[in-house]
């Protein structure tokens, strides 16, 4: 997941299912300009998530960026 704001700082990401439930929380991690946060496709308990559509919500300071993506299994 790439954050597109061009800034730097502590960044957090939530992976959500389409019902808005948090599947996995990542961070906080330090991310530079146009940096990335990697997700290994597992939920909070370490199990692989099912194939389907998910949302990624990236937060750095007051900037929140949401994107939709599909996991193929």
PDB file of N, CA and C in Angstrom:
ATOM      1  N   UNK A   1       0.850  -1.160   0.000  1.00  0.00           N
ATOM      2  CA  UNK A   1       0.000   0.000   0.000  1.00  0.00           C
ATOM      3  C   UNK A   1       0.896   1.223   0.000  1.00  0.00           C
ATOM      4  N   UNK A   2       0.624   2.125  -0.868  1.00  0.00           N
ATOM      5  CA  UNK A   2       1.452   3.323  -0.987  1.00  0.00           C
ATOM      6  C   UNK A   2       0.659   4.528  -0.528  1.00  0.00           C
ATOM      7  N   UNK A   3       1.274   5.343   0.335  1.00  0.00           N
ATOM      8  CA  UNK A   3       0.627   6.581   0.767  1.00  0.00           C
ATOM      9  C   UNK A   3       1.058   7.697  -0.182  1.00  0.00           C
ATOM     10  N   UNK A   4       0.109   8.474  -0.642  1.00  0.00           N
ATOM     11  CA  UNK A   4       0.341   9.399  -1.746  1.00  0.00           C
ATOM     12  C   UNK A   4       0.457  10.859  -1.350  1.00  0.00           C
ATOM     13  N   UNK A   5       0.612  11.180  -0.052  1.00  0.00           N
ATOM     14  CA  UNK A   5       0.595  12.590   0.331  1.00  0.00           C
ATOM     15  C   UNK A   5       1.933  13.299   0.189  1.00  0.00           C
ATOM     16  N   UNK A   6       3.015  12.572  -0.033  1.00  0.00           N
ATOM     17  CA  UNK A   6       4.316  13.203  -0.240  1.00  0.00           C
ATOM     18  C   UNK A   6       5.030  13.597   1.035  1.00  0.00           C
ATOM     19  N   UNK A   7       4.414  13.404   2.205  1.00  0.00           N
ATOM     20  CA  UNK A   7       5.039  13.767   3.462  1.00  0.00           C
ATOM     21  C   UNK A   7       5.793  12.603   4.074  1.00  0.00           C
ATOM     22  N   UNK A   8       6.266  12.824   5.290  1.00  0.00           N
ATOM     23  CA  UNK A   8       6.916  11.763   6.053  1.00  0.00           C
ATOM     24  C   UNK A   8       6.299  11.726   7.442  1.00  0.00           C
ATOM     25  N   UNK A   9       6.403  10.603   8.110  1.00  0.00           N
ATOM     26  CA  UNK A   9       5.934  10.532   9.483  1.00  0.00           C
ATOM     27  C   UNK A   9       5.414   9.166   9.851  1.00  0.00           C
ATOM     28  N   UNK A  10       4.975   9.078  11.099  1.00  0.00           N
ATOM     29  CA  UNK A  10       4.396   7.832  11.573  1.00  0.00           C
ATOM     30  C   UNK A  10       3.076   7.587  10.860  1.00  0.00           C
ATOM     31  N   UNK A  11       2.923   6.386  10.358  1.00  0.00           N
ATOM     32  CA  UNK A  11       1.764   6.027   9.543  1.00  0.00           C
ATOM     33  C   UNK A  11       1.168   4.738  10.074  1.00  0.00           C
ATOM     34  N   UNK A  12      -0.160   4.664  10.063  1.00  0.00           N
ATOM     35  CA  UNK A  12      -0.872   3.456  10.456  1.00  0.00           C
ATOM     36  C   UNK A  12      -1.787   3.044   9.319  1.00  0.00           C
ATOM     37  N   UNK A  13      -2.071   1.748   9.256  1.00  0.00           N
ATOM     38  CA  UNK A  13      -2.985   1.238   8.233  1.00  0.00           C
ATOM     39  C   UNK A  13      -3.938   0.242   8.874  1.00  0.00           C
ATOM     40  N   UNK A  14      -5.181   0.319   8.457  1.00  0.00           N
ATOM     41  CA  UNK A  14      -6.172  -0.673   8.842  1.00  0.00           C
ATOM     42  C   UNK A  14      -6.640  -1.366   7.571  1.00  0.00           C
ATOM     43  N   UNK A  15      -6.681  -2.691   7.610  1.00  0.00           N
ATOM     44  CA  UNK A  15      -7.285  -3.477   6.537  1.00  0.00           C
ATOM     45  C   UNK A  15      -8.686  -3.813   7.020  1.00  0.00           C
ATOM     46  N   UNK A  16      -9.693  -3.459   6.230  1.00  0.00           N
ATOM     47  CA  UNK A  16     -11.085  -3.648   6.631  1.00  0.00           C
ATOM     48  C   UNK A  16     -11.812  -4.535   5.640  1.00  0.00           C
ATOM     49  N   UNK A  17     -12.784  -5.293   6.152  1.00  0.00           N
ATOM     50  CA  UNK A  17     -13.670  -6.010   5.237  1.00  0.00           C
ATOM     51  C   UNK A  17     -14.753  -5.033   4.770  1.00  0.00           C
ATOM     52  N   UNK A  18     -15.610  -5.470   3.873  1.00  0.00           N
ATOM     53  CA  UNK A  18     -16.606  -4.557   3.317  1.00  0.00           C
ATOM     54  C   UNK A  18     -17.705  -4.185   4.310  1.00  0.00           C
ATOM     55  N   UNK A  19     -17.752  -4.844   5.462  1.00  0.00           N
ATOM     56  CA  UNK A  19     -18.692  -4.451   6.512  1.00  0.00           C
ATOM     57  C   UNK A  19     -18.061  -3.420   7.450  1.00  0.00           C
ATOM     58  N   UNK A  20     -16.807  -3.039   7.178  1.00  0.00           N
ATOM     59  CA  UNK A  20     -16.126  -2.032   7.978  1.00  0.00           C
ATOM     60  C   UNK A  20     -15.401  -2.571   9.195  1.00  0.00           C
ATOM     61  N   UNK A  21     -15.329  -3.893   9.341  1.00  0.00           N
ATOM     62  CA  UNK A  21     -14.622  -4.489  10.472  1.00  0.00           C
ATOM     63  C   UNK A  21     -13.121  -4.513  10.182  1.00  0.00           C
ATOM     64  N   UNK A  22     -12.334  -4.185  11.191  1.00  0.00           N
ATOM     65  CA  UNK A  22     -10.877  -4.202  11.038  1.00  0.00           C
ATOM     66  C   UNK A  22     -10.408  -5.650  11.033  1.00  0.00           C
ATOM     67  N   UNK A  23      -9.771  -6.040   9.941  1.00  0.00           N
ATOM     68  CA  UNK A  23      -9.205  -7.377   9.788  1.00  0.00           C
ATOM     69  C   UNK A  23      -7.791  -7.408  10.359  1.00  0.00           C
ATOM     70  N   UNK A  24      -7.053  -6.323  10.133  1.00  0.00           N
ATOM     71  CA  UNK A  24      -5.655  -6.238  10.581  1.00  0.00           C
ATOM     72  C   UNK A  24      -5.270  -4.780  10.745  1.00  0.00           C
ATOM     73  N   UNK A  25      -4.528  -4.477  11.803  1.00  0.00           N
ATOM     74  CA  UNK A  25      -3.988  -3.131  12.027  1.00  0.00           C
ATOM     75  C   UNK A  25      -2.478  -3.207  11.845  1.00  0.00           C
ATOM     76  N   UNK A  26      -1.916  -2.272  11.112  1.00  0.00           N
ATOM     77  CA  UNK A  26      -0.473  -2.224  10.864  1.00  0.00           C
ATOM     78  C   UNK A  26       0.069  -0.889  11.355  1.00  0.00           C
ATOM     79  N   UNK A  27       1.184  -0.920  12.032  1.00  0.00           N
ATOM     80  CA  UNK A  27       1.836   0.307  12.455  1.00  0.00           C
ATOM     81  C   UNK A  27       1.570   0.608  13.918  1.00  0.00           C
ATOM     82  N   UNK A  28       2.055   1.758  14.340  1.00  0.00           N
ATOM     83  CA  UNK A  28       2.621   2.809  13.507  1.00  0.00           C
ATOM     84  C   UNK A  28       4.040   2.478  13.047  1.00  0.00           C
ATOM     85  N   UNK A  29       4.331   2.861  11.810  1.00  0.00           N
ATOM     86  CA  UNK A  29       5.667   2.724  11.229  1.00  0.00           C
ATOM     87  C   UNK A  29       6.052   4.053  10.588  1.00  0.00           C
ATOM     88  N   UNK A  30       7.337   4.333  10.538  1.00  0.00           N
ATOM     89  CA  UNK A  30       7.827   5.552   9.910  1.00  0.00           C
ATOM     90  C   UNK A  30       7.853   5.328   8.396  1.00  0.00           C
ATOM     91  N   UNK A  31       7.175   6.201   7.649  1.00  0.00           N
ATOM     92  CA  UNK A  31       7.106   6.079   6.193  1.00  0.00           C
ATOM     93  C   UNK A  31       7.512   7.413   5.587  1.00  0.00           C
ATOM     94  N   UNK A  32       8.390   7.353   4.592  1.00  0.00           N
ATOM     95  CA  UNK A  32       8.847   8.548   3.900  1.00  0.00           C
ATOM     96  C   UNK A  32       7.896   8.953   2.778  1.00  0.00           C
ATOM     97  N   UNK A  33       8.290   9.970   2.003  1.00  0.00           N
ATOM     98  CA  UNK A  33       7.452  10.442   0.910  1.00  0.00           C
ATOM     99  C   UNK A  33       7.134   9.322  -0.067  1.00  0.00           C
ATOM    100  N   UNK A  34       5.864   9.211  -0.408  1.00  0.00           N
ATOM    101  CA  UNK A  34       5.386   8.200  -1.349  1.00  0.00           C
ATOM    102  C   UNK A  34       5.844   6.802  -0.943  1.00  0.00           C
ATOM    103  N   UNK A  35       5.919   6.580   0.388  1.00  0.00           N
ATOM    104  CA  UNK A  35       6.383   5.313   0.936  1.00  0.00           C
ATOM    105  C   UNK A  35       5.308   4.243   0.911  1.00  0.00           C
ATOM    106  N   UNK A  36       5.689   3.065   1.364  1.00  0.00           N
ATOM    107  CA  UNK A  36       4.795   1.906   1.321  1.00  0.00           C
ATOM    108  C   UNK A  36       4.706   1.251   2.690  1.00  0.00           C
ATOM    109  N   UNK A  37       3.553   0.658   2.948  1.00  0.00           N
ATOM    110  CA  UNK A  37       3.372  -0.239   4.085  1.00  0.00           C
ATOM    111  C   UNK A  37       3.022  -1.600   3.493  1.00  0.00           C
ATOM    112  N   UNK A  38       3.751  -2.600   3.887  1.00  0.00           N
ATOM    113  CA  UNK A  38       3.529  -3.951   3.374  1.00  0.00           C
ATOM    114  C   UNK A  38       2.565  -4.713   4.275  1.00  0.00           C
ATOM    115  N   UNK A  39       1.670  -5.486   3.676  1.00  0.00           N
ATOM    116  CA  UNK A  39       0.745  -6.357   4.396  1.00  0.00           C
ATOM    117  C   UNK A  39       0.914  -7.762   3.844  1.00  0.00           C
ATOM    118  N   UNK A  40       1.019  -8.737   4.708  1.00  0.00           N
ATOM    119  CA  UNK A  40       1.279 -10.116   4.291  1.00  0.00           C
ATOM    120  C   UNK A  40       0.019 -10.926   3.996  1.00  0.00           C
ATOM    121  N   UNK A  41      -1.146 -10.294   4.016  1.00  0.00           N
ATOM    122  CA  UNK A  41      -2.381 -10.997   3.678  1.00  0.00           C
ATOM    123  C   UNK A  41      -2.965 -11.822   4.806  1.00  0.00           C
ATOM    124  N   UNK A  42      -2.534 -11.536   6.038  1.00  0.00           N
ATOM    125  CA  UNK A  42      -3.065 -12.268   7.180  1.00  0.00           C
ATOM    126  C   UNK A  42      -3.908 -11.356   8.061  1.00  0.00           C
ATOM    127  N   UNK A  43      -4.772 -11.987   8.857  1.00  0.00           N
ATOM    128  CA  UNK A  43      -5.601 -11.225   9.793  1.00  0.00           C
ATOM    129  C   UNK A  43      -4.839 -11.041  11.107  1.00  0.00           C
ATOM    130  N   UNK A  44      -5.511 -10.478  12.104  1.00  0.00           N
ATOM    131  CA  UNK A  44      -4.867 -10.178  13.385  1.00  0.00           C
ATOM    132  C   UNK A  44      -4.359 -11.427  14.100  1.00  0.00           C
ATOM    133  N   UNK A  45      -4.945 -12.597  13.821  1.00  0.00           N
ATOM    134  CA  UNK A  45      -4.491 -13.832  14.467  1.00  0.00           C
ATOM    135  C   UNK A  45      -3.420 -14.569  13.660  1.00  0.00           C
ATOM    136  N   UNK A  46      -3.046 -14.024  12.500  1.00  0.00           N
ATOM    137  CA  UNK A  46      -2.007 -14.640  11.680  1.00  0.00           C
ATOM    138  C   UNK A  46      -2.521 -15.593  10.616  1.00  0.00           C
ATOM    139  N   UNK A  47      -3.838 -15.741  10.500  1.00  0.00           N
ATOM    140  CA  UNK A  47      -4.420 -16.619   9.476  1.00  0.00           C
ATOM    141  C   UNK A  47      -4.565 -15.864   8.156  1.00  0.00           C
ATOM    142  N   UNK A  48      -4.367 -16.581   7.059  1.00  0.00           N
ATOM    143  CA  UNK A  48      -4.554 -15.954   5.740  1.00  0.00           C
ATOM    144  C   UNK A  48      -6.004 -15.547   5.564  1.00  0.00           C
ATOM    145  N   UNK A  49      -6.232 -14.347   5.015  1.00  0.00           N
ATOM    146  CA  UNK A  49      -7.600 -13.897   4.777  1.00  0.00           C
ATOM    147  C   UNK A  49      -8.148 -14.590   3.540  1.00  0.00           C
ATOM    148  N   UNK A  50      -9.463 -14.652   3.450  1.00  0.00           N
ATOM    149  CA  UNK A  50     -10.133 -15.223   2.285  1.00  0.00           C
ATOM    150  C   UNK A  50      -9.990 -14.286   1.101  1.00  0.00           C
ATOM    151  N   UNK A  51     -10.109 -14.853  -0.088  1.00  0.00           N
ATOM    152  CA  UNK A  51     -10.150 -14.018  -1.274  1.00  0.00           C
ATOM    153  C   UNK A  51     -11.382 -13.123  -1.223  1.00  0.00           C
ATOM    154  N   UNK A  52     -11.267 -11.935  -1.776  1.00  0.00           N
ATOM    155  CA  UNK A  52     -12.395 -11.015  -1.789  1.00  0.00           C
ATOM    156  C   UNK A  52     -11.936  -9.579  -1.831  1.00  0.00           C
ATOM    157  N   UNK A  53     -12.875  -8.675  -1.674  1.00  0.00           N
ATOM    158  CA  UNK A  53     -12.602  -7.241  -1.729  1.00  0.00           C
ATOM    159  C   UNK A  53     -12.415  -6.720  -0.307  1.00  0.00           C
ATOM    160  N   UNK A  54     -11.384  -5.901  -0.124  1.00  0.00           N
ATOM    161  CA  UNK A  54     -11.046  -5.297   1.162  1.00  0.00           C
ATOM    162  C   UNK A  54     -10.778  -3.813   0.953  1.00  0.00           C
ATOM    163  N   UNK A  55     -10.737  -3.080   2.058  1.00  0.00           N
ATOM    164  CA  UNK A  55     -10.383  -1.672   2.044  1.00  0.00           C
ATOM    165  C   UNK A  55      -9.108  -1.490   2.851  1.00  0.00           C
ATOM    166  N   UNK A  56      -8.270  -0.575   2.408  1.00  0.00           N
ATOM    167  CA  UNK A  56      -7.085  -0.180   3.168  1.00  0.00           C
ATOM    168  C   UNK A  56      -7.271   1.282   3.547  1.00  0.00           C
ATOM    169  N   UNK A  57      -7.188   1.570   4.843  1.00  0.00           N
ATOM    170  CA  UNK A  57      -7.306   2.942   5.328  1.00  0.00           C
ATOM    171  C   UNK A  57      -5.956   3.322   5.927  1.00  0.00           C
ATOM    172  N   UNK A  58      -5.251   4.239   5.260  1.00  0.00           N
ATOM    173  CA  UNK A  58      -3.936   4.704   5.689  1.00  0.00           C
ATOM    174  C   UNK A  58      -4.098   6.037   6.399  1.00  0.00           C
ATOM    175  N   UNK A  59      -3.442   6.179   7.563  1.00  0.00           N
ATOM    176  CA  UNK A  59      -3.548   7.411   8.343  1.00  0.00           C
ATOM    177  C   UNK A  59      -2.160   7.919   8.701  1.00  0.00           C
ATOM    178  N   UNK A  60      -1.918   9.192   8.386  1.00  0.00           N
ATOM    179  CA  UNK A  60      -0.686   9.868   8.811  1.00  0.00           C
ATOM    180  C   UNK A  60      -1.077  11.285   9.206  1.00  0.00           C
ATOM    181  N   UNK A  61      -0.943  11.589  10.486  1.00  0.00           N
ATOM    182  CA  UNK A  61      -1.385  12.894  10.967  1.00  0.00           C
ATOM    183  C   UNK A  61      -2.875  13.051  10.704  1.00  0.00           C
ATOM    184  N   UNK A  62      -3.259  14.163  10.089  1.00  0.00           N
ATOM    185  CA  UNK A  62      -4.659  14.413   9.752  1.00  0.00           C
ATOM    186  C   UNK A  62      -5.045  13.864   8.385  1.00  0.00           C
ATOM    187  N   UNK A  63      -4.088  13.288   7.665  1.00  0.00           N
ATOM    188  CA  UNK A  63      -4.346  12.760   6.325  1.00  0.00           C
ATOM    189  C   UNK A  63      -4.837  11.317   6.421  1.00  0.00           C
ATOM    190  N   UNK A  64      -6.004  11.055   5.839  1.00  0.00           N
ATOM    191  CA  UNK A  64      -6.548   9.699   5.768  1.00  0.00           C
ATOM    192  C   UNK A  64      -6.801   9.384   4.305  1.00  0.00           C
ATOM    193  N   UNK A  65      -6.317   8.245   3.871  1.00  0.00           N
ATOM    194  CA  UNK A  65      -6.450   7.820   2.479  1.00  0.00           C
ATOM    195  C   UNK A  65      -7.043   6.414   2.477  1.00  0.00           C
ATOM    196  N   UNK A  66      -8.093   6.204   1.703  1.00  0.00           N
ATOM    197  CA  UNK A  66      -8.736   4.891   1.642  1.00  0.00           C
ATOM    198  C   UNK A  66      -8.702   4.380   0.215  1.00  0.00           C
ATOM    199  N   UNK A  67      -8.409   3.104   0.061  1.00  0.00           N
ATOM    200  CA  UNK A  67      -8.438   2.488  -1.268  1.00  0.00           C
ATOM    201  C   UNK A  67      -9.041   1.093  -1.154  1.00  0.00           C
ATOM    202  N   UNK A  68      -9.581   0.633  -2.252  1.00  0.00           N
ATOM    203  CA  UNK A  68     -10.205  -0.688  -2.336  1.00  0.00           C
ATOM    204  C   UNK A  68      -9.271  -1.595  -3.135  1.00  0.00           C
ATOM    205  N   UNK A  69      -9.198  -2.864  -2.724  1.00  0.00           N
ATOM    206  CA  UNK A  69      -8.364  -3.807  -3.454  1.00  0.00           C
ATOM    207  C   UNK A  69      -8.956  -5.195  -3.339  1.00  0.00           C
ATOM    208  N   UNK A  70      -8.503  -6.090  -4.176  1.00  0.00           N
ATOM    209  CA  UNK A  70      -9.003  -7.466  -4.200  1.00  0.00           C
ATOM    210  C   UNK A  70      -7.876  -8.434  -3.871  1.00  0.00           C
ATOM    211  N   UNK A  71      -8.160  -9.372  -2.980  1.00  0.00           N
ATOM    212  CA  UNK A  71      -7.237 -10.453  -2.662  1.00  0.00           C
ATOM    213  C   UNK A  71      -7.678 -11.662  -3.470  1.00  0.00           C
ATOM    214  N   UNK A  72      -6.771 -12.219  -4.237  1.00  0.00           N
ATOM    215  CA  UNK A  72      -7.063 -13.406  -5.049  1.00  0.00           C
ATOM    216  C   UNK A  72      -6.444 -14.625  -4.377  1.00  0.00           C
ATOM    217  N   UNK A  73      -7.199 -15.663  -4.195  1.00  0.00           N
ATOM    218  CA  UNK A  73      -6.687 -16.908  -3.591  1.00  0.00           C
ATOM    219  C   UNK A  73      -6.990 -18.067  -4.498  1.00  0.00           C
TER     220      UNK A  73
END
